[in-house]
Amino acid sequence: MTSAVIKFSAILLLVGVCVADVVDLPSVKNAQPVTEVCLGCMCQAISGCKLGLQCEGETCGLFRITWAYWADAGKPTINGQSTDDPTAYKNCAVDPACAAQTVQGYMSRFGQDCNGDGVINCYDHMAIHKKGGYGCSGDLPFEYVNVFNQCIAAVAAAQG
């Protein structure tokens, strides 16, 4: 599990380095609400973070993104593809970097304190990702939370 998070974090780091050359505004650089570790553990909990995941039913990619989630996140695309292109959603959702950008956009829009602890953090993002922006305070599936918590603990242990 830790290796999947490390692989995913490496992909995001590579994308971040490429994007850093283009984005110079400090307010844009710091606008990402979800950390790479949190993204990796959300990915692990929702799909096992298996690279190459395509669409199954209504969800696509590593983060099992729906069309509505993608739309609510601002319809990010790859290489300037038009959001009106019929393949834009799927192309983004199955691309790890674009999918992560979609999650960031969704959390920017719907970020809230789901568990009532007075802080918006990774646990809230995990709940929002699974339950949506309007139902994150509801009960979460045990296995999803368990895998997420194990991932967070494994990363914390690896970081010393």
Protein backbone atom coordinates (compact mmCIF):
# COMPACT_ATOMS: atom_id res chain seq x y z
CA MET A 1 0.00 0.00 0.00
CA THR A 2 2.81 2.39 0.85
CA SER A 3 4.46 1.76 -2.53
CA ALA A 4 1.23 2.72 -4.35
CA VAL A 5 1.11 5.99 -2.40
CA ILE A 6 4.78 6.62 -3.15
CA LYS A 7 4.23 5.92 -6.88
CA PHE A 8 1.24 8.21 -6.98
CA SER A 9 3.11 10.91 -5.07
CA ALA A 10 6.00 10.62 -7.55
CA ILE A 11 3.58 11.11 -10.45
CA LEU A 12 2.09 14.16 -8.75
CA LEU A 13 5.54 15.54 -7.96
CA LEU A 14 6.56 15.24 -11.61
CA VAL A 15 3.37 16.99 -12.69
CA GLY A 16 3.90 19.64 -10.03
CA VAL A 17 7.42 20.38 -11.27
CA CYS A 18 6.13 20.77 -14.83
CA VAL A 19 3.29 23.03 -13.73
CA ALA A 20 5.55 25.08 -11.45
CA ASP A 21 7.32 26.48 -14.50
CA VAL A 22 4.04 27.83 -15.82
CA VAL A 23 2.41 29.04 -12.61
CA ASP A 24 4.30 31.87 -10.93
CA LEU A 25 1.64 33.46 -8.75
CA PRO A 26 2.06 32.57 -5.05
CA SER A 27 -1.71 32.59 -4.51
CA VAL A 28 -2.12 29.95 -7.25
CA LYS A 29 0.72 27.77 -5.97
CA ASN A 30 -0.77 27.63 -2.50
CA ALA A 31 -4.35 27.15 -3.62
CA GLN A 32 -4.29 23.32 -3.45
CA PRO A 33 -6.42 22.22 -0.50
CA VAL A 34 -5.40 18.52 -0.56
CA THR A 35 -1.85 17.35 0.20
CA GLU A 36 -0.12 14.75 -1.97
CA VAL A 37 -0.21 12.24 0.90
CA CYS A 38 -3.93 12.80 1.34
CA LEU A 39 -4.52 12.40 -2.42
CA GLY A 40 -2.50 9.19 -2.39
CA CYS A 41 -4.43 7.72 0.52
CA MET A 42 -7.77 8.76 -0.95
CA CYS A 43 -6.72 7.02 -4.16
CA GLN A 44 -5.69 3.91 -2.23
CA ALA A 45 -8.99 3.80 -0.34
CA ILE A 46 -11.26 4.38 -3.33
CA SER A 47 -9.57 2.17 -5.97
CA GLY A 48 -6.40 0.57 -4.65
CA CYS A 49 -4.61 3.24 -6.71
CA LYS A 50 -4.08 0.84 -9.60
CA LEU A 51 -2.57 2.69 -12.54
CA GLY A 52 -4.39 2.14 -15.81
CA LEU A 53 -7.89 2.01 -14.35
CA GLN A 54 -10.41 3.01 -16.97
CA CYS A 55 -14.16 3.54 -16.62
CA GLU A 56 -16.46 1.10 -14.86
CA GLY A 57 -20.10 2.06 -14.91
CA GLU A 58 -20.47 5.69 -13.85
CA THR A 59 -16.93 6.15 -12.49
CA CYS A 60 -13.52 6.48 -14.10
CA GLY A 61 -9.85 6.34 -13.16
CA LEU A 62 -7.82 6.11 -9.97
CA PHE A 63 -10.21 8.34 -8.04
CA ARG A 64 -13.40 6.74 -9.46
CA ILE A 65 -14.61 10.16 -10.67
CA THR A 66 -18.13 10.63 -12.00
CA TRP A 67 -19.07 13.09 -14.73
CA ALA A 68 -20.94 15.24 -12.16
CA TYR A 69 -17.90 15.33 -9.82
CA TRP A 70 -15.69 16.36 -12.75
CA ALA A 71 -18.18 19.07 -13.76
CA ASP A 72 -18.44 20.37 -10.18
CA ALA A 73 -14.62 20.50 -10.06
CA GLY A 74 -14.57 22.92 -13.00
CA LYS A 75 -14.14 20.40 -15.85
CA PRO A 76 -10.33 20.30 -15.96
CA THR A 77 -8.90 18.92 -19.19
CA ILE A 78 -5.65 17.66 -20.63
CA ASN A 79 -3.59 19.82 -23.01
CA GLY A 80 -6.28 22.44 -23.43
CA GLN A 81 -8.89 19.99 -24.70
CA SER A 82 -12.28 21.65 -24.96
CA THR A 83 -14.63 20.84 -22.08
CA ASP A 84 -17.30 20.39 -24.76
CA ASP A 85 -15.39 17.51 -26.35
CA PRO A 86 -17.31 14.29 -25.58
CA THR A 87 -14.06 12.58 -24.49
CA ALA A 88 -12.85 15.37 -22.18
CA TYR A 89 -14.31 13.88 -18.98
CA LYS A 90 -13.00 10.36 -19.56
CA ASN A 91 -9.59 11.58 -20.76
CA CYS A 92 -9.17 13.64 -17.62
CA ALA A 93 -10.57 11.09 -15.18
CA VAL A 94 -8.22 8.32 -16.37
CA ASP A 95 -5.15 10.58 -16.38
CA PRO A 96 -3.57 10.59 -12.87
CA ALA A 97 -2.52 14.25 -12.96
CA CYS A 98 -5.80 15.55 -14.37
CA ALA A 99 -7.78 13.34 -11.98
CA ALA A 100 -5.80 14.76 -9.04
CA GLN A 101 -6.49 18.27 -10.36
CA THR A 102 -10.17 17.34 -10.47
CA VAL A 103 -10.10 16.29 -6.82
CA GLN A 104 -8.34 19.55 -5.92
CA GLY A 105 -10.98 21.55 -7.77
CA TYR A 106 -13.79 19.65 -6.10
CA MET A 107 -12.30 20.22 -2.65
CA SER A 108 -11.75 23.90 -3.40
CA ARG A 109 -15.45 24.17 -4.10
CA PHE A 110 -16.88 21.86 -1.42
CA GLY A 111 -14.21 21.84 1.31
CA GLN A 112 -15.87 21.84 4.72
CA ASP A 113 -15.56 20.44 8.23
CA CYS A 114 -17.41 17.13 7.86
CA ASN A 115 -16.60 15.63 11.26
CA GLY A 116 -17.21 18.75 13.36
CA ASP A 117 -13.71 19.01 14.82
CA GLY A 118 -13.35 22.65 13.75
CA VAL A 119 -10.68 21.95 11.13
CA ILE A 120 -10.86 21.18 7.42
CA ASN A 121 -8.24 18.50 6.83
CA CYS A 122 -7.47 15.27 5.00
CA TYR A 123 -10.16 13.32 6.85
CA ASP A 124 -12.76 15.81 5.69
CA HIS A 125 -11.47 15.60 2.11
CA MET A 126 -11.68 11.81 2.27
CA ALA A 127 -15.31 12.04 3.43
CA ILE A 128 -16.21 14.64 0.79
CA HIS A 129 -14.64 12.54 -1.93
CA LYS A 130 -16.70 9.50 -1.00
CA LYS A 131 -19.98 11.11 0.07
CA GLY A 132 -19.99 14.29 -2.02
CA GLY A 133 -20.05 17.95 -1.17
CA TYR A 134 -23.50 17.85 0.42
CA GLY A 135 -23.41 14.61 2.42
CA CYS A 136 -19.96 14.34 3.92
CA SER A 137 -21.14 14.17 7.52
CA GLY A 138 -22.90 10.85 6.89
CA ASP A 139 -21.56 7.41 7.72
CA LEU A 140 -18.72 6.15 5.54
CA PRO A 141 -18.13 2.55 4.48
CA PHE A 142 -15.92 0.77 7.01
CA GLU A 143 -13.54 -0.70 4.43
CA TYR A 144 -12.99 2.69 2.76
CA VAL A 145 -12.14 4.38 6.07
CA ASN A 146 -10.05 1.43 7.21
CA VAL A 147 -7.89 1.40 4.06
CA PHE A 148 -7.56 5.19 4.24
CA ASN A 149 -6.49 5.12 7.91
CA GLN A 150 -4.01 2.28 7.27
CA CYS A 151 -2.50 4.28 4.42
CA ILE A 152 -2.16 7.43 6.53
CA ALA A 153 -0.55 5.39 9.31
CA ALA A 154 1.85 3.66 6.88
CA VAL A 155 2.95 6.99 5.39
CA ALA A 156 3.40 8.50 8.86
CA ALA A 157 5.49 5.50 9.94
CA ALA A 158 7.61 5.70 6.77
CA GLN A 159 8.26 9.39 7.37
CA GLY A 160 9.56 8.55 10.80
